[in-house]
Amino acid sequence: MTIELEHYFYDTYAIIEILKDNPRYLFYSDKPIFITKLNLFEIYYYLLRTQGEMLSDEFYRAYEERIMEYDFSVIKAAAKLKMTFRERKISMTDCIGYSLALSKGLKFLTGDRAFKDLPNVEFVK
């Protein structure tokens, strides 16, 4: 019997909640993590600010292979998303992550209320 695992694109918020051991994110902590270089920057900066360079570098080494690249079609979709929902003030990083998740058939894992009612979102607060 083959069981298909659901894969997720993790926004920065979701990864930080996992790093903080938020029990609501325990289910997602052992699943494959997919991110962009933009998310890696945000998480590296967060860890650098809160935990220091050693832990930041450790995270970078552990997740640099999980980075997903994207093309101009994702950039265009992200810009259109940002324009459509401009009143929600969604970050560029999240617009790109969400658009990339859609293009790759991944669920977008987030705790950002701006995405709560959008399709293909797993909202966990």
PDB file of N, CA and C in Angstrom:
ATOM      1  N   MET A   1       0.839  -1.183   0.000  1.00  0.00           N
ATOM      2  CA  MET A   1       0.000   0.000   0.000  1.00  0.00           C
ATOM      3  C   MET A   1       0.881   1.242   0.000  1.00  0.00           C
ATOM      4  N   THR A   2       0.594   2.174  -0.894  1.00  0.00           N
ATOM      5  CA  THR A   2       1.346   3.414  -0.980  1.00  0.00           C
ATOM      6  C   THR A   2       0.556   4.528  -0.331  1.00  0.00           C
ATOM      7  N   ILE A   3       1.198   5.247   0.552  1.00  0.00           N
ATOM      8  CA  ILE A   3       0.567   6.394   1.201  1.00  0.00           C
ATOM      9  C   ILE A   3       1.231   7.646   0.649  1.00  0.00           C
ATOM     10  N   GLU A   4       0.424   8.510   0.069  1.00  0.00           N
ATOM     11  CA  GLU A   4       0.967   9.763  -0.437  1.00  0.00           C
ATOM     12  C   GLU A   4       1.058  10.767   0.705  1.00  0.00           C
ATOM     13  N   LEU A   5       2.229  11.301   0.896  1.00  0.00           N
ATOM     14  CA  LEU A   5       2.427  12.314   1.924  1.00  0.00           C
ATOM     15  C   LEU A   5       2.067  13.673   1.358  1.00  0.00           C
ATOM     16  N   GLU A   6       1.422  14.473   2.158  1.00  0.00           N
ATOM     17  CA  GLU A   6       1.132  15.832   1.748  1.00  0.00           C
ATOM     18  C   GLU A   6       2.377  16.671   2.008  1.00  0.00           C
ATOM     19  N   HIS A   7       2.762  17.430   1.015  1.00  0.00           N
ATOM     20  CA  HIS A   7       3.943  18.276   1.158  1.00  0.00           C
ATOM     21  C   HIS A   7       3.521  19.731   1.279  1.00  0.00           C
ATOM     22  N   TYR A   8       4.333  20.477   2.000  1.00  0.00           N
ATOM     23  CA  TYR A   8       4.014  21.860   2.301  1.00  0.00           C
ATOM     24  C   TYR A   8       5.163  22.779   1.921  1.00  0.00           C
ATOM     25  N   PHE A   9       4.776  23.986   1.521  1.00  0.00           N
ATOM     26  CA  PHE A   9       5.723  25.077   1.431  1.00  0.00           C
ATOM     27  C   PHE A   9       5.550  25.848   2.729  1.00  0.00           C
ATOM     28  N   TYR A  10       6.622  26.002   3.487  1.00  0.00           N
ATOM     29  CA  TYR A  10       6.553  26.656   4.799  1.00  0.00           C
ATOM     30  C   TYR A  10       6.891  28.129   4.661  1.00  0.00           C
ATOM     31  N   ASP A  11       6.000  28.996   5.127  1.00  0.00           N
ATOM     32  CA  ASP A  11       6.392  30.397   5.170  1.00  0.00           C
ATOM     33  C   ASP A  11       7.279  30.618   6.391  1.00  0.00           C
ATOM     34  N   THR A  12       7.880  31.764   6.470  1.00  0.00           N
ATOM     35  CA  THR A  12       8.816  32.057   7.544  1.00  0.00           C
ATOM     36  C   THR A  12       8.159  31.927   8.915  1.00  0.00           C
ATOM     37  N   TYR A  13       6.941  32.399   9.027  1.00  0.00           N
ATOM     38  CA  TYR A  13       6.206  32.320  10.299  1.00  0.00           C
ATOM     39  C   TYR A  13       6.122  30.869  10.766  1.00  0.00           C
ATOM     40  N   ALA A  14       5.754  29.970   9.870  1.00  0.00           N
ATOM     41  CA  ALA A  14       5.593  28.553  10.233  1.00  0.00           C
ATOM     42  C   ALA A  14       6.907  27.969  10.743  1.00  0.00           C
ATOM     43  N   ILE A  15       7.988  28.275  10.080  1.00  0.00           N
ATOM     44  CA  ILE A  15       9.281  27.724  10.509  1.00  0.00           C
ATOM     45  C   ILE A  15       9.687  28.286  11.865  1.00  0.00           C
ATOM     46  N   ILE A  16       9.468  29.563  12.066  1.00  0.00           N
ATOM     47  CA  ILE A  16       9.810  30.157  13.364  1.00  0.00           C
ATOM     48  C   ILE A  16       8.966  29.533  14.473  1.00  0.00           C
ATOM     49  N   GLU A  17       7.707  29.270  14.205  1.00  0.00           N
ATOM     50  CA  GLU A  17       6.860  28.615  15.216  1.00  0.00           C
ATOM     51  C   GLU A  17       7.355  27.200  15.512  1.00  0.00           C
ATOM     52  N   ILE A  18       7.838  26.505  14.518  1.00  0.00           N
ATOM     53  CA  ILE A  18       8.433  25.181  14.740  1.00  0.00           C
ATOM     54  C   ILE A  18       9.693  25.315  15.591  1.00  0.00           C
ATOM     55  N   LEU A  19      10.521  26.304  15.275  1.00  0.00           N
ATOM     56  CA  LEU A  19      11.746  26.537  16.052  1.00  0.00           C
ATOM     57  C   LEU A  19      11.432  26.899  17.503  1.00  0.00           C
ATOM     58  N   LYS A  20      10.289  27.543  17.726  1.00  0.00           N
ATOM     59  CA  LYS A  20       9.864  27.923  19.081  1.00  0.00           C
ATOM     60  C   LYS A  20       9.152  26.777  19.800  1.00  0.00           C
ATOM     61  N   ASP A  21       9.040  25.622  19.136  1.00  0.00           N
ATOM     62  CA  ASP A  21       8.350  24.453  19.689  1.00  0.00           C
ATOM     63  C   ASP A  21       6.868  24.713  19.960  1.00  0.00           C
ATOM     64  N   ASN A  22       6.238  25.479  19.108  1.00  0.00           N
ATOM     65  CA  ASN A  22       4.805  25.716  19.230  1.00  0.00           C
ATOM     66  C   ASN A  22       4.090  24.376  19.037  1.00  0.00           C
ATOM     67  N   PRO A  23       3.321  23.913  20.019  1.00  0.00           N
ATOM     68  CA  PRO A  23       2.668  22.602  19.907  1.00  0.00           C
ATOM     69  C   PRO A  23       1.713  22.493  18.722  1.00  0.00           C
ATOM     70  N   ARG A  24       1.167  23.608  18.270  1.00  0.00           N
ATOM     71  CA  ARG A  24       0.264  23.573  17.114  1.00  0.00           C
ATOM     72  C   ARG A  24       0.994  23.203  15.831  1.00  0.00           C
ATOM     73  N   TYR A  25       2.308  23.364  15.834  1.00  0.00           N
ATOM     74  CA  TYR A  25       3.112  23.057  14.651  1.00  0.00           C
ATOM     75  C   TYR A  25       3.869  21.737  14.780  1.00  0.00           C
ATOM     76  N   LEU A  26       3.645  21.018  15.854  1.00  0.00           N
ATOM     77  CA  LEU A  26       4.323  19.745  16.074  1.00  0.00           C
ATOM     78  C   LEU A  26       4.090  18.772  14.915  1.00  0.00           C
ATOM     79  N   PHE A  27       2.866  18.703  14.417  1.00  0.00           N
ATOM     80  CA  PHE A  27       2.514  17.819  13.304  1.00  0.00           C
ATOM     81  C   PHE A  27       3.391  18.072  12.073  1.00  0.00           C
ATOM     82  N   TYR A  28       3.800  19.322  11.858  1.00  0.00           N
ATOM     83  CA  TYR A  28       4.545  19.712  10.654  1.00  0.00           C
ATOM     84  C   TYR A  28       6.061  19.658  10.840  1.00  0.00           C
ATOM     85  N   SER A  29       6.512  19.472  12.061  1.00  0.00           N
ATOM     86  CA  SER A  29       7.940  19.590  12.351  1.00  0.00           C
ATOM     87  C   SER A  29       8.797  18.481  11.749  1.00  0.00           C
ATOM     88  N   ASP A  30       8.193  17.349  11.415  1.00  0.00           N
ATOM     89  CA  ASP A  30       8.998  16.259  10.847  1.00  0.00           C
ATOM     90  C   ASP A  30       8.707  16.021   9.368  1.00  0.00           C
ATOM     91  N   LYS A  31       8.003  16.937   8.742  1.00  0.00           N
ATOM     92  CA  LYS A  31       7.698  16.824   7.317  1.00  0.00           C
ATOM     93  C   LYS A  31       8.767  17.541   6.500  1.00  0.00           C
ATOM     94  N   PRO A  32       8.906  17.173   5.225  1.00  0.00           N
ATOM     95  CA  PRO A  32       9.886  17.872   4.379  1.00  0.00           C
ATOM     96  C   PRO A  32       9.543  19.358   4.279  1.00  0.00           C
ATOM     97  N   ILE A  33      10.535  20.189   4.475  1.00  0.00           N
ATOM     98  CA  ILE A  33      10.343  21.634   4.441  1.00  0.00           C
ATOM     99  C   ILE A  33      10.849  22.181   3.110  1.00  0.00           C
ATOM    100  N   PHE A  34       9.981  22.928   2.439  1.00  0.00           N
ATOM    101  CA  PHE A  34      10.354  23.607   1.207  1.00  0.00           C
ATOM    102  C   PHE A  34      10.244  25.105   1.438  1.00  0.00           C
ATOM    103  N   ILE A  35      11.282  25.847   1.039  1.00  0.00           N
ATOM    104  CA  ILE A  35      11.345  27.293   1.222  1.00  0.00           C
ATOM    105  C   ILE A  35      12.055  27.922   0.020  1.00  0.00           C
ATOM    106  N   THR A  36      12.098  29.249  -0.011  1.00  0.00           N
ATOM    107  CA  THR A  36      12.900  29.972  -1.006  1.00  0.00           C
ATOM    108  C   THR A  36      14.098  30.599  -0.297  1.00  0.00           C
ATOM    109  N   LYS A  37      14.987  31.172  -1.070  1.00  0.00           N
ATOM    110  CA  LYS A  37      16.128  31.893  -0.495  1.00  0.00           C
ATOM    111  C   LYS A  37      15.652  33.085   0.332  1.00  0.00           C
ATOM    112  N   LEU A  38      14.521  33.646  -0.048  1.00  0.00           N
ATOM    113  CA  LEU A  38      13.975  34.778   0.711  1.00  0.00           C
ATOM    114  C   LEU A  38      13.574  34.343   2.119  1.00  0.00           C
ATOM    115  N   ASN A  39      12.936  33.169   2.226  1.00  0.00           N
ATOM    116  CA  ASN A  39      12.593  32.639   3.550  1.00  0.00           C
ATOM    117  C   ASN A  39      13.855  32.329   4.338  1.00  0.00           C
ATOM    118  N   LEU A  40      14.830  31.758   3.662  1.00  0.00           N
ATOM    119  CA  LEU A  40      16.085  31.429   4.337  1.00  0.00           C
ATOM    120  C   LEU A  40      16.724  32.695   4.912  1.00  0.00           C
ATOM    121  N   PHE A  41      16.686  33.782   4.154  1.00  0.00           N
ATOM    122  CA  PHE A  41      17.203  35.058   4.655  1.00  0.00           C
ATOM    123  C   PHE A  41      16.459  35.478   5.926  1.00  0.00           C
ATOM    124  N   GLU A  42      15.128  35.445   5.882  1.00  0.00           N
ATOM    125  CA  GLU A  42      14.337  35.896   7.027  1.00  0.00           C
ATOM    126  C   GLU A  42      14.591  35.036   8.267  1.00  0.00           C
ATOM    127  N   ILE A  43      14.695  33.752   8.074  1.00  0.00           N
ATOM    128  CA  ILE A  43      14.923  32.850   9.214  1.00  0.00           C
ATOM    129  C   ILE A  43      16.341  33.007   9.735  1.00  0.00           C
ATOM    130  N   TYR A  44      17.298  33.118   8.826  1.00  0.00           N
ATOM    131  CA  TYR A  44      18.688  33.325   9.246  1.00  0.00           C
ATOM    132  C   TYR A  44      18.788  34.607  10.071  1.00  0.00           C
ATOM    133  N   TYR A  45      18.142  35.661   9.595  1.00  0.00           N
ATOM    134  CA  TYR A  45      18.166  36.944  10.319  1.00  0.00           C
ATOM    135  C   TYR A  45      17.510  36.800  11.693  1.00  0.00           C
ATOM    136  N   TYR A  46      16.359  36.141  11.737  1.00  0.00           N
ATOM    137  CA  TYR A  46      15.671  35.929  13.018  1.00  0.00           C
ATOM    138  C   TYR A  46      16.582  35.179  13.996  1.00  0.00           C
ATOM    139  N   LEU A  47      17.182  34.096  13.544  1.00  0.00           N
ATOM    140  CA  LEU A  47      18.056  33.313  14.428  1.00  0.00           C
ATOM    141  C   LEU A  47      19.311  34.083  14.818  1.00  0.00           C
ATOM    142  N   LEU A  48      19.850  34.841  13.893  1.00  0.00           N
ATOM    143  CA  LEU A  48      21.023  35.666  14.185  1.00  0.00           C
ATOM    144  C   LEU A  48      20.700  36.666  15.292  1.00  0.00           C
ATOM    145  N   ARG A  49      19.530  37.255  15.219  1.00  0.00           N
ATOM    146  CA  ARG A  49      19.091  38.257  16.191  1.00  0.00           C
ATOM    147  C   ARG A  49      18.764  37.634  17.545  1.00  0.00           C
ATOM    148  N   THR A  50      18.180  36.428  17.541  1.00  0.00           N
ATOM    149  CA  THR A  50      17.691  35.837  18.789  1.00  0.00           C
ATOM    150  C   THR A  50      18.591  34.750  19.383  1.00  0.00           C
ATOM    151  N   GLN A  51      19.359  34.063  18.539  1.00  0.00           N
ATOM    152  CA  GLN A  51      20.142  32.913  19.015  1.00  0.00           C
ATOM    153  C   GLN A  51      21.631  33.002  18.737  1.00  0.00           C
ATOM    154  N   GLY A  52      22.027  33.876  17.826  1.00  0.00           N
ATOM    155  CA  GLY A  52      23.439  34.003  17.506  1.00  0.00           C
ATOM    156  C   GLY A  52      23.818  33.322  16.198  1.00  0.00           C
ATOM    157  N   GLU A  53      25.040  33.568  15.798  1.00  0.00           N
ATOM    158  CA  GLU A  53      25.508  33.123  14.483  1.00  0.00           C
ATOM    159  C   GLU A  53      25.650  31.608  14.367  1.00  0.00           C
ATOM    160  N   MET A  54      26.045  30.940  15.429  1.00  0.00           N
ATOM    161  CA  MET A  54      26.264  29.494  15.353  1.00  0.00           C
ATOM    162  C   MET A  54      24.964  28.766  14.978  1.00  0.00           C
ATOM    163  N   LEU A  55      23.876  29.083  15.657  1.00  0.00           N
ATOM    164  CA  LEU A  55      22.602  28.432  15.356  1.00  0.00           C
ATOM    165  C   LEU A  55      22.076  28.859  13.989  1.00  0.00           C
ATOM    166  N   SER A  56      22.306  30.105  13.615  1.00  0.00           N
ATOM    167  CA  SER A  56      21.895  30.589  12.293  1.00  0.00           C
ATOM    168  C   SER A  56      22.599  29.795  11.201  1.00  0.00           C
ATOM    169  N   ASP A  57      23.898  29.602  11.364  1.00  0.00           N
ATOM    170  CA  ASP A  57      24.671  28.835  10.378  1.00  0.00           C
ATOM    171  C   ASP A  57      24.230  27.374  10.340  1.00  0.00           C
ATOM    172  N   GLU A  58      23.921  26.827  11.497  1.00  0.00           N
ATOM    173  CA  GLU A  58      23.450  25.442  11.576  1.00  0.00           C
ATOM    174  C   GLU A  58      22.132  25.279  10.814  1.00  0.00           C
ATOM    175  N   PHE A  59      21.219  26.209  11.007  1.00  0.00           N
ATOM    176  CA  PHE A  59      19.953  26.161  10.284  1.00  0.00           C
ATOM    177  C   PHE A  59      20.208  26.280   8.787  1.00  0.00           C
ATOM    178  N   TYR A  60      21.068  27.198   8.399  1.00  0.00           N
ATOM    179  CA  TYR A  60      21.368  27.407   6.979  1.00  0.00           C
ATOM    180  C   TYR A  60      21.872  26.113   6.342  1.00  0.00           C
ATOM    181  N   ARG A  61      22.823  25.467   6.989  1.00  0.00           N
ATOM    182  CA  ARG A  61      23.373  24.221   6.438  1.00  0.00           C
ATOM    183  C   ARG A  61      22.307  23.133   6.343  1.00  0.00           C
ATOM    184  N   ALA A  62      21.425  23.078   7.304  1.00  0.00           N
ATOM    185  CA  ALA A  62      20.393  22.038   7.330  1.00  0.00           C
ATOM    186  C   ALA A  62      19.325  22.248   6.255  1.00  0.00           C
ATOM    187  N   TYR A  63      19.080  23.483   5.872  1.00  0.00           N
ATOM    188  CA  TYR A  63      17.959  23.749   4.975  1.00  0.00           C
ATOM    189  C   TYR A  63      18.332  24.316   3.619  1.00  0.00           C
ATOM    190  N   GLU A  64      19.595  24.544   3.357  1.00  0.00           N
ATOM    191  CA  GLU A  64      19.957  25.111   2.063  1.00  0.00           C
ATOM    192  C   GLU A  64      19.594  24.185   0.906  1.00  0.00           C
ATOM    193  N   GLU A  65      19.526  22.897   1.159  1.00  0.00           N
ATOM    194  CA  GLU A  65      19.167  21.943   0.107  1.00  0.00           C
ATOM    195  C   GLU A  65      17.657  21.875  -0.117  1.00  0.00           C
ATOM    196  N   ARG A  66      16.886  22.491   0.748  1.00  0.00           N
ATOM    197  CA  ARG A  66      15.420  22.480   0.631  1.00  0.00           C
ATOM    198  C   ARG A  66      14.888  23.722  -0.089  1.00  0.00           C
ATOM    199  N   ILE A  67      15.794  24.515  -0.634  1.00  0.00           N
ATOM    200  CA  ILE A  67      15.406  25.749  -1.312  1.00  0.00           C
ATOM    201  C   ILE A  67      14.838  25.430  -2.683  1.00  0.00           C
ATOM    202  N   MET A  68      13.703  26.021  -2.971  1.00  0.00           N
ATOM    203  CA  MET A  68      13.070  25.873  -4.279  1.00  0.00           C
ATOM    204  C   MET A  68      13.340  27.131  -5.106  1.00  0.00           C
ATOM    205  N   GLU A  69      13.757  26.925  -6.321  1.00  0.00           N
ATOM    206  CA  GLU A  69      13.966  28.038  -7.249  1.00  0.00           C
ATOM    207  C   GLU A  69      12.637  28.348  -7.938  1.00  0.00           C
ATOM    208  N   TYR A  70      12.529  29.542  -8.481  1.00  0.00           N
ATOM    209  CA  TYR A  70      11.310  29.931  -9.180  1.00  0.00           C
ATOM    210  C   TYR A  70      11.659  30.773 -10.389  1.00  0.00           C
ATOM    211  N   ASP A  71      10.719  30.804 -11.337  1.00  0.00           N
ATOM    212  CA  ASP A  71      10.951  31.529 -12.575  1.00  0.00           C
ATOM    213  C   ASP A  71      10.056  32.766 -12.652  1.00  0.00           C
ATOM    214  N   PHE A  72      10.090  33.394 -13.812  1.00  0.00           N
ATOM    215  CA  PHE A  72       9.356  34.640 -13.990  1.00  0.00           C
ATOM    216  C   PHE A  72       7.849  34.449 -13.865  1.00  0.00           C
ATOM    217  N   SER A  73       7.341  33.274 -14.205  1.00  0.00           N
ATOM    218  CA  SER A  73       5.897  33.056 -14.077  1.00  0.00           C
ATOM    219  C   SER A  73       5.464  33.148 -12.615  1.00  0.00           C
ATOM    220  N   VAL A  74       6.295  32.691 -11.689  1.00  0.00           N
ATOM    221  CA  VAL A  74       5.992  32.793 -10.263  1.00  0.00           C
ATOM    222  C   VAL A  74       6.074  34.255  -9.818  1.00  0.00           C
ATOM    223  N   ILE A  75       7.055  34.967 -10.315  1.00  0.00           N
ATOM    224  CA  ILE A  75       7.193  36.394  -9.978  1.00  0.00           C
ATOM    225  C   ILE A  75       5.962  37.166 -10.450  1.00  0.00           C
ATOM    226  N   LYS A  76       5.514  36.892 -11.671  1.00  0.00           N
ATOM    227  CA  LYS A  76       4.315  37.560 -12.196  1.00  0.00           C
ATOM    228  C   LYS A  76       3.086  37.225 -11.352  1.00  0.00           C
ATOM    229  N   ALA A  77       2.916  35.944 -11.030  1.00  0.00           N
ATOM    230  CA  ALA A  77       1.767  35.537 -10.217  1.00  0.00           C
ATOM    231  C   ALA A  77       1.820  36.189  -8.834  1.00  0.00           C
ATOM    232  N   ALA A  78       3.014  36.290  -8.270  1.00  0.00           N
ATOM    233  CA  ALA A  78       3.182  36.902  -6.950  1.00  0.00           C
ATOM    234  C   ALA A  78       2.844  38.391  -6.986  1.00  0.00           C
ATOM    235  N   ALA A  79       3.273  39.066  -8.041  1.00  0.00           N
ATOM    236  CA  ALA A  79       2.977  40.498  -8.176  1.00  0.00           C
ATOM    237  C   ALA A  79       1.468  40.716  -8.327  1.00  0.00           C
ATOM    238  N   LYS A  80       0.812  39.840  -9.081  1.00  0.00           N
ATOM    239  CA  LYS A  80      -0.642  39.952  -9.257  1.00  0.00           C
ATOM    240  C   LYS A  80      -1.364  39.682  -7.936  1.00  0.00           C
ATOM    241  N   LEU A  81      -0.873  38.718  -7.174  1.00  0.00           N
ATOM    242  CA  LEU A  81      -1.445  38.424  -5.857  1.00  0.00           C
ATOM    243  C   LEU A  81      -1.320  39.637  -4.939  1.00  0.00           C
ATOM    244  N   LYS A  82      -0.133  40.229  -4.929  1.00  0.00           N
ATOM    245  CA  LYS A  82       0.114  41.400  -4.080  1.00  0.00           C
ATOM    246  C   LYS A  82      -0.802  42.557  -4.489  1.00  0.00           C
ATOM    247  N   MET A  83      -1.005  42.718  -5.795  1.00  0.00           N
ATOM    248  CA  MET A  83      -1.885  43.776  -6.290  1.00  0.00           C
ATOM    249  C   MET A  83      -3.345  43.495  -5.912  1.00  0.00           C
ATOM    250  N   THR A  84      -3.784  42.264  -6.098  1.00  0.00           N
ATOM    251  CA  THR A  84      -5.168  41.896  -5.806  1.00  0.00           C
ATOM    252  C   THR A  84      -5.505  42.084  -4.333  1.00  0.00           C
ATOM    253  N   PHE A  85      -4.563  41.729  -3.478  1.00  0.00           N
ATOM    254  CA  PHE A  85      -4.807  41.795  -2.033  1.00  0.00           C
ATOM    255  C   PHE A  85      -3.957  42.881  -1.367  1.00  0.00           C
ATOM    256  N   ARG A  86      -3.757  43.986  -2.042  1.00  0.00           N
ATOM    257  CA  ARG A  86      -2.865  45.035  -1.517  1.00  0.00           C
ATOM    258  C   ARG A  86      -3.317  45.573  -0.159  1.00  0.00           C
ATOM    259  N   GLU A  87      -4.625  45.545   0.104  1.00  0.00           N
ATOM    260  CA  GLU A  87      -5.103  46.027   1.413  1.00  0.00           C
ATOM    261  C   GLU A  87      -4.671  45.103   2.546  1.00  0.00           C
ATOM    262  N   ARG A  88      -4.301  43.876   2.234  1.00  0.00           N
ATOM    263  CA  ARG A  88      -3.851  42.938   3.270  1.00  0.00           C
ATOM    264  C   ARG A  88      -2.373  43.112   3.615  1.00  0.00           C
ATOM    265  N   LYS A  89      -1.655  43.892   2.802  1.00  0.00           N
ATOM    266  CA  LYS A  89      -0.236  44.183   3.046  1.00  0.00           C
ATOM    267  C   LYS A  89       0.605  42.904   3.188  1.00  0.00           C
ATOM    268  N   ILE A  90       0.434  41.996   2.234  1.00  0.00           N
ATOM    269  CA  ILE A  90       1.187  40.742   2.223  1.00  0.00           C
ATOM    270  C   ILE A  90       2.607  41.029   1.764  1.00  0.00           C
ATOM    271  N   SER A  91       3.573  40.421   2.423  1.00  0.00           N
ATOM    272  CA  SER A  91       4.971  40.652   2.072  1.00  0.00           C
ATOM    273  C   SER A  91       5.304  40.036   0.715  1.00  0.00           C
ATOM    274  N   MET A  92       6.321  40.581   0.077  1.00  0.00           N
ATOM    275  CA  MET A  92       6.804  40.040  -1.192  1.00  0.00           C
ATOM    276  C   MET A  92       7.223  38.581  -1.021  1.00  0.00           C
ATOM    277  N   THR A  93       7.919  38.290   0.068  1.00  0.00           N
ATOM    278  CA  THR A  93       8.379  36.926   0.327  1.00  0.00           C
ATOM    279  C   THR A  93       7.205  35.963   0.381  1.00  0.00           C
ATOM    280  N   ASP A  94       6.127  36.337   1.070  1.00  0.00           N
ATOM    281  CA  ASP A  94       4.962  35.467   1.178  1.00  0.00           C
ATOM    282  C   ASP A  94       4.208  35.354  -0.139  1.00  0.00           C
ATOM    283  N   CYS A  95       4.141  36.434  -0.903  1.00  0.00           N
ATOM    284  CA  CYS A  95       3.492  36.366  -2.218  1.00  0.00           C
ATOM    285  C   CYS A  95       4.233  35.391  -3.127  1.00  0.00           C
ATOM    286  N   ILE A  96       5.540  35.450  -3.113  1.00  0.00           N
ATOM    287  CA  ILE A  96       6.335  34.532  -3.927  1.00  0.00           C
ATOM    288  C   ILE A  96       6.186  33.100  -3.416  1.00  0.00           C
ATOM    289  N   GLY A  97       6.247  32.910  -2.116  1.00  0.00           N
ATOM    290  CA  GLY A  97       6.100  31.575  -1.546  1.00  0.00           C
ATOM    291  C   GLY A  97       4.757  30.957  -1.863  1.00  0.00           C
ATOM    292  N   TYR A  98       3.695  31.726  -1.714  1.00  0.00           N
ATOM    293  CA  TYR A  98       2.354  31.223  -2.008  1.00  0.00           C
ATOM    294  C   TYR A  98       2.218  30.875  -3.488  1.00  0.00           C
ATOM    295  N   SER A  99       2.689  31.753  -4.350  1.00  0.00           N
ATOM    296  CA  SER A  99       2.598  31.513  -5.792  1.00  0.00           C
ATOM    297  C   SER A  99       3.429  30.300  -6.200  1.00  0.00           C
ATOM    298  N   LEU A 100       4.584  30.146  -5.592  1.00  0.00           N
ATOM    299  CA  LEU A 100       5.428  28.987  -5.874  1.00  0.00           C
ATOM    300  C   LEU A 100       4.748  27.704  -5.394  1.00  0.00           C
ATOM    301  N   ALA A 101       4.157  27.751  -4.210  1.00  0.00           N
ATOM    302  CA  ALA A 101       3.445  26.579  -3.692  1.00  0.00           C
ATOM    303  C   ALA A 101       2.337  26.159  -4.653  1.00  0.00           C
ATOM    304  N   LEU A 102       1.576  27.123  -5.137  1.00  0.00           N
ATOM    305  CA  LEU A 102       0.511  26.814  -6.089  1.00  0.00           C
ATOM    306  C   LEU A 102       1.066  26.160  -7.346  1.00  0.00           C
ATOM    307  N   SER A 103       2.174  26.704  -7.849  1.00  0.00           N
ATOM    308  CA  SER A 103       2.734  26.188  -9.100  1.00  0.00           C
ATOM    309  C   SER A 103       3.322  24.786  -8.956  1.00  0.00           C
ATOM    310  N   LYS A 104       3.696  24.413  -7.745  1.00  0.00           N
ATOM    311  CA  LYS A 104       4.323  23.103  -7.508  1.00  0.00           C
ATOM    312  C   LYS A 104       3.375  22.099  -6.855  1.00  0.00           C
ATOM    313  N   GLY A 105       2.145  22.498  -6.617  1.00  0.00           N
ATOM    314  CA  GLY A 105       1.184  21.586  -6.006  1.00  0.00           C
ATOM    315  C   GLY A 105       1.439  21.319  -4.531  1.00  0.00           C
ATOM    316  N   LEU A 106       2.029  22.302  -3.848  1.00  0.00           N
ATOM    317  CA  LEU A 106       2.286  22.199  -2.416  1.00  0.00           C
ATOM    318  C   LEU A 106       1.268  23.034  -1.655  1.00  0.00           C
ATOM    319  N   LYS A 107       0.914  22.608  -0.463  1.00  0.00           N
ATOM    320  CA  LYS A 107       0.082  23.440   0.413  1.00  0.00           C
ATOM    321  C   LYS A 107       0.970  24.525   1.009  1.00  0.00           C
ATOM    322  N   PHE A 108       0.411  25.712   1.188  1.00  0.00           N
ATOM    323  CA  PHE A 108       1.127  26.836   1.784  1.00  0.00           C
ATOM    324  C   PHE A 108       0.815  26.845   3.271  1.00  0.00           C
ATOM    325  N   LEU A 109       1.803  26.537   4.091  1.00  0.00           N
ATOM    326  CA  LEU A 109       1.637  26.481   5.547  1.00  0.00           C
ATOM    327  C   LEU A 109       1.982  27.832   6.151  1.00  0.00           C
ATOM    328  N   THR A 110       1.020  28.410   6.871  1.00  0.00           N
ATOM    329  CA  THR A 110       1.220  29.742   7.422  1.00  0.00           C
ATOM    330  C   THR A 110       0.327  29.982   8.627  1.00  0.00           C
ATOM    331  N   GLY A 111       0.684  30.980   9.396  1.00  0.00           N
ATOM    332  CA  GLY A 111      -0.161  31.475  10.471  1.00  0.00           C
ATOM    333  C   GLY A 111      -0.572  32.910  10.188  1.00  0.00           C
ATOM    334  N   ASP A 112      -0.277  33.382   8.984  1.00  0.00           N
ATOM    335  CA  ASP A 112      -0.590  34.746   8.572  1.00  0.00           C
ATOM    336  C   ASP A 112      -2.061  34.834   8.178  1.00  0.00           C
ATOM    337  N   ARG A 113      -2.832  35.643   8.914  1.00  0.00           N
ATOM    338  CA  ARG A 113      -4.270  35.779   8.674  1.00  0.00           C
ATOM    339  C   ARG A 113      -4.592  36.274   7.263  1.00  0.00           C
ATOM    340  N   ALA A 114      -3.662  36.932   6.614  1.00  0.00           N
ATOM    341  CA  ALA A 114      -3.896  37.435   5.258  1.00  0.00           C
ATOM    342  C   ALA A 114      -4.170  36.299   4.273  1.00  0.00           C
ATOM    343  N   PHE A 115      -3.739  35.090   4.622  1.00  0.00           N
ATOM    344  CA  PHE A 115      -3.912  33.936   3.740  1.00  0.00           C
ATOM    345  C   PHE A 115      -5.038  33.004   4.174  1.00  0.00           C
ATOM    346  N   LYS A 116      -5.627  33.272   5.311  1.00  0.00           N
ATOM    347  CA  LYS A 116      -6.573  32.333   5.935  1.00  0.00           C
ATOM    348  C   LYS A 116      -7.680  31.863   4.998  1.00  0.00           C
ATOM    349  N   ASP A 117      -8.203  32.735   4.170  1.00  0.00           N
ATOM    350  CA  ASP A 117      -9.326  32.375   3.312  1.00  0.00           C
ATOM    351  C   ASP A 117      -8.935  32.037   1.872  1.00  0.00           C
ATOM    352  N   LEU A 118      -7.648  31.946   1.595  1.00  0.00           N
ATOM    353  CA  LEU A 118      -7.207  31.648   0.235  1.00  0.00           C
ATOM    354  C   LEU A 118      -7.126  30.137   0.012  1.00  0.00           C
ATOM    355  N   PRO A 119      -7.315  29.710  -1.232  1.00  0.00           N
ATOM    356  CA  PRO A 119      -7.227  28.273  -1.512  1.00  0.00           C
ATOM    357  C   PRO A 119      -5.806  27.761  -1.360  1.00  0.00           C
ATOM    358  N   ASN A 120      -5.686  26.471  -1.077  1.00  0.00           N
ATOM    359  CA  ASN A 120      -4.404  25.797  -0.992  1.00  0.00           C
ATOM    360  C   ASN A 120      -3.565  26.253   0.211  1.00  0.00           C
ATOM    361  N   VAL A 121      -4.229  26.729   1.259  1.00  0.00           N
ATOM    362  CA  VAL A 121      -3.543  27.226   2.450  1.00  0.00           C
ATOM    363  C   VAL A 121      -3.875  26.318   3.638  1.00  0.00           C
ATOM    364  N   GLU A 122      -2.857  25.988   4.382  1.00  0.00           N
ATOM    365  CA  GLU A 122      -3.037  25.307   5.668  1.00  0.00           C
ATOM    366  C   GLU A 122      -2.733  26.373   6.711  1.00  0.00           C
ATOM    367  N   PHE A 123      -3.772  26.899   7.329  1.00  0.00           N
ATOM    368  CA  PHE A 123      -3.635  27.990   8.295  1.00  0.00           C
ATOM    369  C   PHE A 123      -3.577  27.424   9.690  1.00  0.00           C
ATOM    370  N   VAL A 124      -2.495  27.729  10.389  1.00  0.00           N
ATOM    371  CA  VAL A 124      -2.312  27.267  11.769  1.00  0.00           C
ATOM    372  C   VAL A 124      -1.844  28.461  12.586  1.00  0.00           C
ATOM    373  N   LYS A 125      -2.600  28.798  13.598  1.00  0.00           N
ATOM    374  CA  LYS A 125      -2.246  29.937  14.451  1.00  0.00           C
ATOM    375  C   LYS A 125      -1.885  29.442  15.825  1.00  0.00           C
TER     376      LYS A 125
END
